PDB file of N, CA and C in Angstrom:
ATOM      1  N   GLU A   1     108.422  92.918  93.332  1.00  0.00           N
ATOM      2  CA  GLU A   1     107.193  92.500  93.739  1.00  0.00           C
ATOM      3  C   GLU A   1     105.597  92.970  94.359  1.00  0.00           C
ATOM      4  N   GLY A   2     104.924  92.476  93.582  1.00  0.00           N
ATOM      5  CA  GLY A   2     103.448  93.327  93.502  1.00  0.00           C
ATOM      6  C   GLY A   2     102.453  93.125  94.599  1.00  0.00           C
ATOM      7  N   TRP A   3     101.484  94.111  94.557  1.00  0.00           N
ATOM      8  CA  TRP A   3     100.917  94.099  96.251  1.00  0.00           C
ATOM      9  C   TRP A   3      99.879  95.019  95.788  1.00  0.00           C
ATOM     10  N   SER A   4      98.812  94.675  95.412  1.00  0.00           N
ATOM     11  CA  SER A   4      97.423  95.752  94.567  1.00  0.00           C
ATOM     12  C   SER A   4      97.042  96.490  96.113  1.00  0.00           C
ATOM     13  N   ASP A   5      96.824  95.923  97.294  1.00  0.00           N
ATOM     14  CA  ASP A   5      96.378  96.495  98.215  1.00  0.00           C
ATOM     15  C   ASP A   5      97.406  97.504  99.075  1.00  0.00           C
ATOM     16  N   MET A   6      98.472  97.743  98.563  1.00  0.00           N
ATOM     17  CA  MET A   6      99.266  98.654  99.286  1.00  0.00           C
ATOM     18  C   MET A   6      98.804 100.301  99.332  1.00  0.00           C
ATOM     19  N   SER A   7      98.671 100.594 100.528  1.00  0.00           N
ATOM     20  CA  SER A   7      98.251 102.057 100.535  1.00  0.00           C
ATOM     21  C   SER A   7      98.904 102.857 100.543  1.00  0.00           C
ATOM     22  N   MET A   8      98.859 104.430  99.857  1.00  0.00           N
ATOM     23  CA  MET A   8      99.928 105.588  99.921  1.00  0.00           C
ATOM     24  C   MET A   8      99.250 106.522 100.653  1.00  0.00           C
ATOM     25  N   ASN A   9     100.171 107.822 101.111  1.00  0.00           N
ATOM     26  CA  ASN A   9      99.570 108.976 101.989  1.00  0.00           C
ATOM     27  C   ASN A   9      98.992 109.784 100.547  1.00  0.00           C
ATOM     28  N   GLN A  10      99.061 110.975 100.985  1.00  0.00           N
ATOM     29  CA  GLN A  10      98.736 111.914 100.042  1.00  0.00           C
ATOM     30  C   GLN A  10      99.489 112.525  99.306  1.00  0.00           C
ATOM     31  N   ASP A  11     100.852 112.056  99.748  1.00  0.00           N
ATOM     32  CA  ASP A  11     101.909 112.344  98.751  1.00  0.00           C
ATOM     33  C   ASP A  11     102.148 111.642  97.984  1.00  0.00           C
ATOM     34  N   GLY A  12     101.271 110.365  97.726  1.00  0.00           N
ATOM     35  CA  GLY A  12     101.942 109.207  97.087  1.00  0.00           C
ATOM     36  C   GLY A  12     103.097 108.407  97.257  1.00  0.00           C
ATOM     37  N   MET A  13     102.844 108.506  98.880  1.00  0.00           N
ATOM     38  CA  MET A  13     104.177 107.836  99.437  1.00  0.00           C
ATOM     39  C   MET A  13     103.742 106.692 100.169  1.00  0.00           C
ATOM     40  N   VAL A  14     104.753 105.630 100.666  1.00  0.00           N
ATOM     41  CA  VAL A  14     104.583 104.728 101.549  1.00  0.00           C
ATOM     42  C   VAL A  14     105.669 104.967 102.699  1.00  0.00           C
ATOM     43  N   VAL A  15     104.983 105.214 103.911  1.00  0.00           N
ATOM     44  CA  VAL A  15     106.447 105.578 105.008  1.00  0.00           C
ATOM     45  C   VAL A  15     106.780 104.653 105.492  1.00  0.00           C
ATOM     46  N   VAL A  16     108.016 104.304 105.462  1.00  0.00           N
ATOM     47  CA  VAL A  16     108.911 103.061 106.607  1.00  0.00           C
ATOM     48  C   VAL A  16     109.709 103.643 107.173  1.00  0.00           C
ATOM     49  N   GLU A  17     109.739 103.195 108.454  1.00  0.00           N
ATOM     50  CA  GLU A  17     110.638 103.367 109.602  1.00  0.00           C
ATOM     51  C   GLU A  17     111.787 102.171 109.465  1.00  0.00           C
ATOM     52  N   ILE A  18     113.041 103.014 109.542  1.00  0.00           N
ATOM     53  CA  ILE A  18     114.279 101.676 109.833  1.00  0.00           C
ATOM     54  C   ILE A  18     114.805 102.049 111.038  1.00  0.00           C
ATOM     55  N   VAL A  19     115.487 101.171 111.727  1.00  0.00           N
ATOM     56  CA  VAL A  19     115.950 101.041 113.040  1.00  0.00           C
ATOM     57  C   VAL A  19     117.309 100.772 112.464  1.00  0.00           C
ATOM     58  N   LEU A  20     118.509 101.567 112.700  1.00  0.00           N
ATOM     59  CA  LEU A  20     119.815 100.998 112.422  1.00  0.00           C
ATOM     60  C   LEU A  20     120.800 101.007 113.344  1.00  0.00           C
ATOM     61  N   ASP A  21     121.341  99.656 113.528  1.00  0.00           N
ATOM     62  CA  ASP A  21     122.706  99.512 114.656  1.00  0.00           C
ATOM     63  C   ASP A  21     123.955  99.714 114.178  1.00  0.00           C
ATOM     64  N   ALA A  22     125.222  99.441 114.854  1.00  0.00           N
ATOM     65  CA  ALA A  22     126.301  99.661 113.741  1.00  0.00           C
ATOM     66  C   ALA A  22     126.715  98.878 112.898  1.00  0.00           C
ATOM     67  N   ASP A  23     125.963  98.037 112.334  1.00  0.00           N
ATOM     68  CA  ASP A  23     125.887  97.167 111.396  1.00  0.00           C
ATOM     69  C   ASP A  23     125.101  97.839 109.825  1.00  0.00           C
ATOM     70  N   GLY A  24     124.485  98.574 110.462  1.00  0.00           N
ATOM     71  CA  GLY A  24     123.332  98.575 109.385  1.00  0.00           C
ATOM     72  C   GLY A  24     121.649  98.748 109.825  1.00  0.00           C
ATOM     73  N   PRO A  25     120.945  97.925 108.592  1.00  0.00           N
ATOM     74  CA  PRO A  25     119.794  97.951 109.143  1.00  0.00           C
ATOM     75  C   PRO A  25     119.256  96.780 110.326  1.00  0.00           C
ATOM     76  N   ASP A  26     118.842  97.255 111.295  1.00  0.00           N
ATOM     77  CA  ASP A  26     118.076  96.215 112.120  1.00  0.00           C
ATOM     78  C   ASP A  26     116.970  95.615 112.233  1.00  0.00           C
ATOM     79  N   GLU A  27     115.967  96.542 112.334  1.00  0.00           N
ATOM     80  CA  GLU A  27     114.811  96.083 112.236  1.00  0.00           C
ATOM     81  C   GLU A  27     113.899  97.539 110.935  1.00  0.00           C
ATOM     82  N   SER A  28     113.023  97.244 110.437  1.00  0.00           N
ATOM     83  CA  SER A  28     111.869  98.381 109.926  1.00  0.00           C
ATOM     84  C   SER A  28     110.543  98.079 109.865  1.00  0.00           C
ATOM     85  N   ALA A  29     109.436  98.862 109.539  1.00  0.00           N
ATOM     86  CA  ALA A  29     108.364  98.856 109.723  1.00  0.00           C
ATOM     87  C   ALA A  29     108.053  99.830 108.545  1.00  0.00           C
ATOM     88  N   ILE A  30     106.521  99.232 108.341  1.00  0.00           N
ATOM     89  CA  ILE A  30     105.990  99.854 106.900  1.00  0.00           C
ATOM     90  C   ILE A  30     104.530 100.457 107.606  1.00  0.00           C
ATOM     91  N   TYR A  31     104.146 101.836 107.390  1.00  0.00           N
ATOM     92  CA  TYR A  31     103.269 102.335 108.188  1.00  0.00           C
ATOM     93  C   TYR A  31     101.712 102.666 107.785  1.00  0.00           C
ATOM     94  N   ASP A  32     100.773 102.859 107.987  1.00  0.00           N
ATOM     95  CA  ASP A  32      99.656 103.163 107.477  1.00  0.00           C
ATOM     96  C   ASP A  32      98.950 102.362 106.349  1.00  0.00           C
ATOM     97  N   GLN A  33      99.074 101.047 106.573  1.00  0.00           N
ATOM     98  CA  GLN A  33      98.565  99.645 105.383  1.00  0.00           C
ATOM     99  C   GLN A  33      97.536  99.426 106.088  1.00  0.00           C
ATOM    100  N   LYS A  34      96.293  99.102 105.484  1.00  0.00           N
ATOM    101  CA  LYS A  34      95.136  98.944 105.867  1.00  0.00           C
ATOM    102  C   LYS A  34      94.939  96.884 105.998  1.00  0.00           C
ATOM    103  N   GLU A  35      95.688  96.508 104.978  1.00  0.00           N
ATOM    104  CA  GLU A  35      95.626  94.894 104.963  1.00  0.00           C
ATOM    105  C   GLU A  35      96.760  94.553 105.645  1.00  0.00           C
ATOM    106  N   PRO A  36      97.095  93.335 106.125  1.00  0.00           N
ATOM    107  CA  PRO A  36      98.548  92.969 106.220  1.00  0.00           C
ATOM    108  C   PRO A  36      99.154  92.634 105.156  1.00  0.00           C
ATOM    109  N   ILE A  37     100.585  92.721 105.582  1.00  0.00           N
ATOM    110  CA  ILE A  37     101.766  92.963 104.267  1.00  0.00           C
ATOM    111  C   ILE A  37     102.023  91.600 104.280  1.00  0.00           C
ATOM    112  N   PRO A  38     101.985  91.387 103.217  1.00  0.00           N
ATOM    113  CA  PRO A  38     102.572  89.516 102.687  1.00  0.00           C
ATOM    114  C   PRO A  38     104.102  89.688 103.117  1.00  0.00           C
ATOM    115  N   GLN A  39     104.529  88.430 103.209  1.00  0.00           N
ATOM    116  CA  GLN A  39     105.520  87.994 103.720  1.00  0.00           C
ATOM    117  C   GLN A  39     106.367  88.028 102.617  1.00  0.00           C
ATOM    118  N   SER A  40     105.954  88.098 101.633  1.00  0.00           N
ATOM    119  CA  SER A  40     106.641  88.450 100.196  1.00  0.00           C
ATOM    120  C   SER A  40     107.399  89.587 100.001  1.00  0.00           C
ATOM    121  N   ILE A  41     106.323  90.806 100.322  1.00  0.00           N
ATOM    122  CA  ILE A  41     106.467  91.798 100.634  1.00  0.00           C
ATOM    123  C   ILE A  41     107.581  92.600 101.384  1.00  0.00           C
ATOM    124  N   GLN A  42     107.295  91.982 102.309  1.00  0.00           N
ATOM    125  CA  GLN A  42     108.123  92.182 103.839  1.00  0.00           C
ATOM    126  C   GLN A  42     109.838  91.630 103.372  1.00  0.00           C
ATOM    127  N   SER A  43     109.935  90.379 102.689  1.00  0.00           N
ATOM    128  CA  SER A  43     111.282  90.095 102.023  1.00  0.00           C
ATOM    129  C   SER A  43     111.550  91.206 101.140  1.00  0.00           C
ATOM    130  N   CYS A  44     110.906  91.405 100.114  1.00  0.00           N
ATOM    131  CA  CYS A  44     111.381  92.823  99.314  1.00  0.00           C
ATOM    132  C   CYS A  44     112.063  93.886  99.811  1.00  0.00           C
ATOM    133  N   LEU A  45     111.144  94.220 101.181  1.00  0.00           N
ATOM    134  CA  LEU A  45     111.926  95.600 101.505  1.00  0.00           C
ATOM    135  C   LEU A  45     113.282  94.868 102.290  1.00  0.00           C
ATOM    136  N   GLY A  46     113.200  93.867 103.092  1.00  0.00           N
ATOM    137  CA  GLY A  46     114.400  93.720 103.541  1.00  0.00           C
ATOM    138  C   GLY A  46     115.399  93.968 102.564  1.00  0.00           C
ATOM    139  N   THR A  47     115.278  92.970 101.526  1.00  0.00           N
ATOM    140  CA  THR A  47     116.195  92.927 100.095  1.00  0.00           C
ATOM    141  C   THR A  47     116.762  94.114 100.229  1.00  0.00           C
ATOM    142  N   ALA A  48     116.052  95.429 100.125  1.00  0.00           N
ATOM    143  CA  ALA A  48     116.465  96.382  99.094  1.00  0.00           C
ATOM    144  C   ALA A  48     117.129  97.626 100.142  1.00  0.00           C
ATOM    145  N   LEU A  49     116.519  97.197 101.632  1.00  0.00           N
ATOM    146  CA  LEU A  49     117.320  97.644 102.313  1.00  0.00           C
ATOM    147  C   LEU A  49     118.564  97.241 102.543  1.00  0.00           C
ATOM    148  N   GLY A  50     119.078  96.091 102.571  1.00  0.00           N
ATOM    149  CA  GLY A  50     120.141  95.100 102.198  1.00  0.00           C
ATOM    150  C   GLY A  50     121.142  95.867 101.540  1.00  0.00           C
ATOM    151  N   SER A  51     120.700  96.258 100.312  1.00  0.00           N
ATOM    152  CA  SER A  51     121.184  96.661  99.289  1.00  0.00           C
ATOM    153  C   SER A  51     121.889  98.263  99.316  1.00  0.00           C
ATOM    154  N   VAL A  52     121.571  98.778 100.687  1.00  0.00           N
ATOM    155  CA  VAL A  52     122.055 100.173 100.797  1.00  0.00           C
ATOM    156  C   VAL A  52     123.171 100.256 101.606  1.00  0.00           C
ATOM    157  N   ALA A  53     124.410 100.764 100.883  1.00  0.00           N
ATOM    158  CA  ALA A  53     125.646 101.005 101.542  1.00  0.00           C
ATOM    159  C   ALA A  53     125.497 101.947 103.135  1.00  0.00           C
ATOM    160  N   TRP A  54     125.390 101.332 104.059  1.00  0.00           N
ATOM    161  CA  TRP A  54     125.218 101.817 105.270  1.00  0.00           C
ATOM    162  C   TRP A  54     126.647 101.708 106.052  1.00  0.00           C
ATOM    163  N   PRO A  55     127.072 103.332 106.757  1.00  0.00           N
ATOM    164  CA  PRO A  55     125.952 103.903 107.305  1.00  0.00           C
ATOM    165  C   PRO A  55     125.903 105.181 106.542  1.00  0.00           C
ATOM    166  N   LEU A  56     124.396 105.700 106.315  1.00  0.00           N
ATOM    167  CA  LEU A  56     124.342 106.888 104.916  1.00  0.00           C
ATOM    168  C   LEU A  56     125.058 107.995 105.595  1.00  0.00           C
ATOM    169  N   PRO A  57     125.402 109.071 104.343  1.00  0.00           N
ATOM    170  CA  PRO A  57     126.246 110.460 104.807  1.00  0.00           C
ATOM    171  C   PRO A  57     124.873 110.953 105.891  1.00  0.00           C
ATOM    172  N   ALA A  58     126.219 111.560 106.916  1.00  0.00           N
ATOM    173  CA  ALA A  58     124.850 112.613 108.213  1.00  0.00           C
ATOM    174  C   ALA A  58     123.858 113.249 107.457  1.00  0.00           C
ATOM    175  N   ASP A  59     124.226 113.804 106.451  1.00  0.00           N
ATOM    176  CA  ASP A  59     123.175 114.726 105.694  1.00  0.00           C
ATOM    177  C   ASP A  59     121.960 114.014 104.871  1.00  0.00           C
ATOM    178  N   GLN A  60     122.104 112.935 104.565  1.00  0.00           N
ATOM    179  CA  GLN A  60     121.046 111.934 104.083  1.00  0.00           C
ATOM    180  C   GLN A  60     119.899 111.500 105.010  1.00  0.00           C
ATOM    181  N   GLN A  61     118.740 111.836 105.302  1.00  0.00           N
ATOM    182  CA  GLN A  61     118.283 111.300 106.273  1.00  0.00           C
ATOM    183  C   GLN A  61     116.951 110.393 105.574  1.00  0.00           C
ATOM    184  N   SER A  62     116.799 110.192 104.245  1.00  0.00           N
ATOM    185  CA  SER A  62     116.091 109.155 103.746  1.00  0.00           C
ATOM    186  C   SER A  62     116.475 108.410 102.569  1.00  0.00           C
ATOM    187  N   ILE A  63     115.570 107.357 102.055  1.00  0.00           N
ATOM    188  CA  ILE A  63     116.139 106.857 100.974  1.00  0.00           C
ATOM    189  C   ILE A  63     114.737 106.526 100.010  1.00  0.00           C
ATOM    190  N   HIS A  64     114.852 106.970  98.806  1.00  0.00           N
ATOM    191  CA  HIS A  64     113.100 106.882  98.202  1.00  0.00           C
ATOM    192  C   HIS A  64     113.617 105.185  96.878  1.00  0.00           C
ATOM    193  N   PHE A  65     112.655 104.768  97.181  1.00  0.00           N
ATOM    194  CA  PHE A  65     112.542 103.288  96.415  1.00  0.00           C
ATOM    195  C   PHE A  65     111.381 103.820  95.518  1.00  0.00           C
ATOM    196  N   PRO A  66     111.486 103.510  94.067  1.00  0.00           N
ATOM    197  CA  PRO A  66     110.317 103.544  93.575  1.00  0.00           C
ATOM    198  C   PRO A  66     109.447 102.388  93.364  1.00  0.00           C
ATOM    199  N   ILE A  67     107.944 102.918  93.583  1.00  0.00           N
ATOM    200  CA  ILE A  67     106.923 101.889  93.591  1.00  0.00           C
ATOM    201  C   ILE A  67     106.223 102.141  92.438  1.00  0.00           C
ATOM    202  N   VAL A  68     105.963 101.050  91.465  1.00  0.00           N
ATOM    203  CA  VAL A  68     105.580 100.584  90.218  1.00  0.00           C
ATOM    204  C   VAL A  68     104.178  99.896  90.520  1.00  0.00           C
ATOM    205  N   GLY A  69     103.114 100.629  90.106  1.00  0.00           N
ATOM    206  CA  GLY A  69     102.060 100.352  90.090  1.00  0.00           C
ATOM    207  C   GLY A  69     100.940 100.744  91.364  1.00  0.00           C
ATOM    208  N   GLY A  70     100.272  99.909  91.774  1.00  0.00           N
ATOM    209  CA  GLY A  70      99.137 100.649  93.075  1.00  0.00           C
ATOM    210  C   GLY A  70      98.178 100.917  92.405  1.00  0.00           C
ATOM    211  N   PRO A  71      97.290 102.027  93.272  1.00  0.00           N
ATOM    212  CA  PRO A  71      96.142 102.560  92.968  1.00  0.00           C
ATOM    213  C   PRO A  71      95.982 102.986  91.989  1.00  0.00           C
ATOM    214  N   ARG A  72      95.091 103.059  91.020  1.00  0.00           N
ATOM    215  CA  ARG A  72      95.248 103.712  89.966  1.00  0.00           C
ATOM    216  C   ARG A  72      93.527 105.633  90.515  1.00  0.00           C
TER     217      ARG A  72
END
């Protein structure tokens, strides 16, 4: 899913917080965006998070998803 208005931090990443319950992701938030996040992007994030096998091992505290495109 493409979104040309996505803002990345100084490290070239987008920060997403995930709240987990016993069954996996319960809610998530995308931080530091200057423009409202389109519903299609929100749905894409939900699909990506739903594809991860939860719970993660105790030593793995982050998941990296590649972002293709964005500002040049």
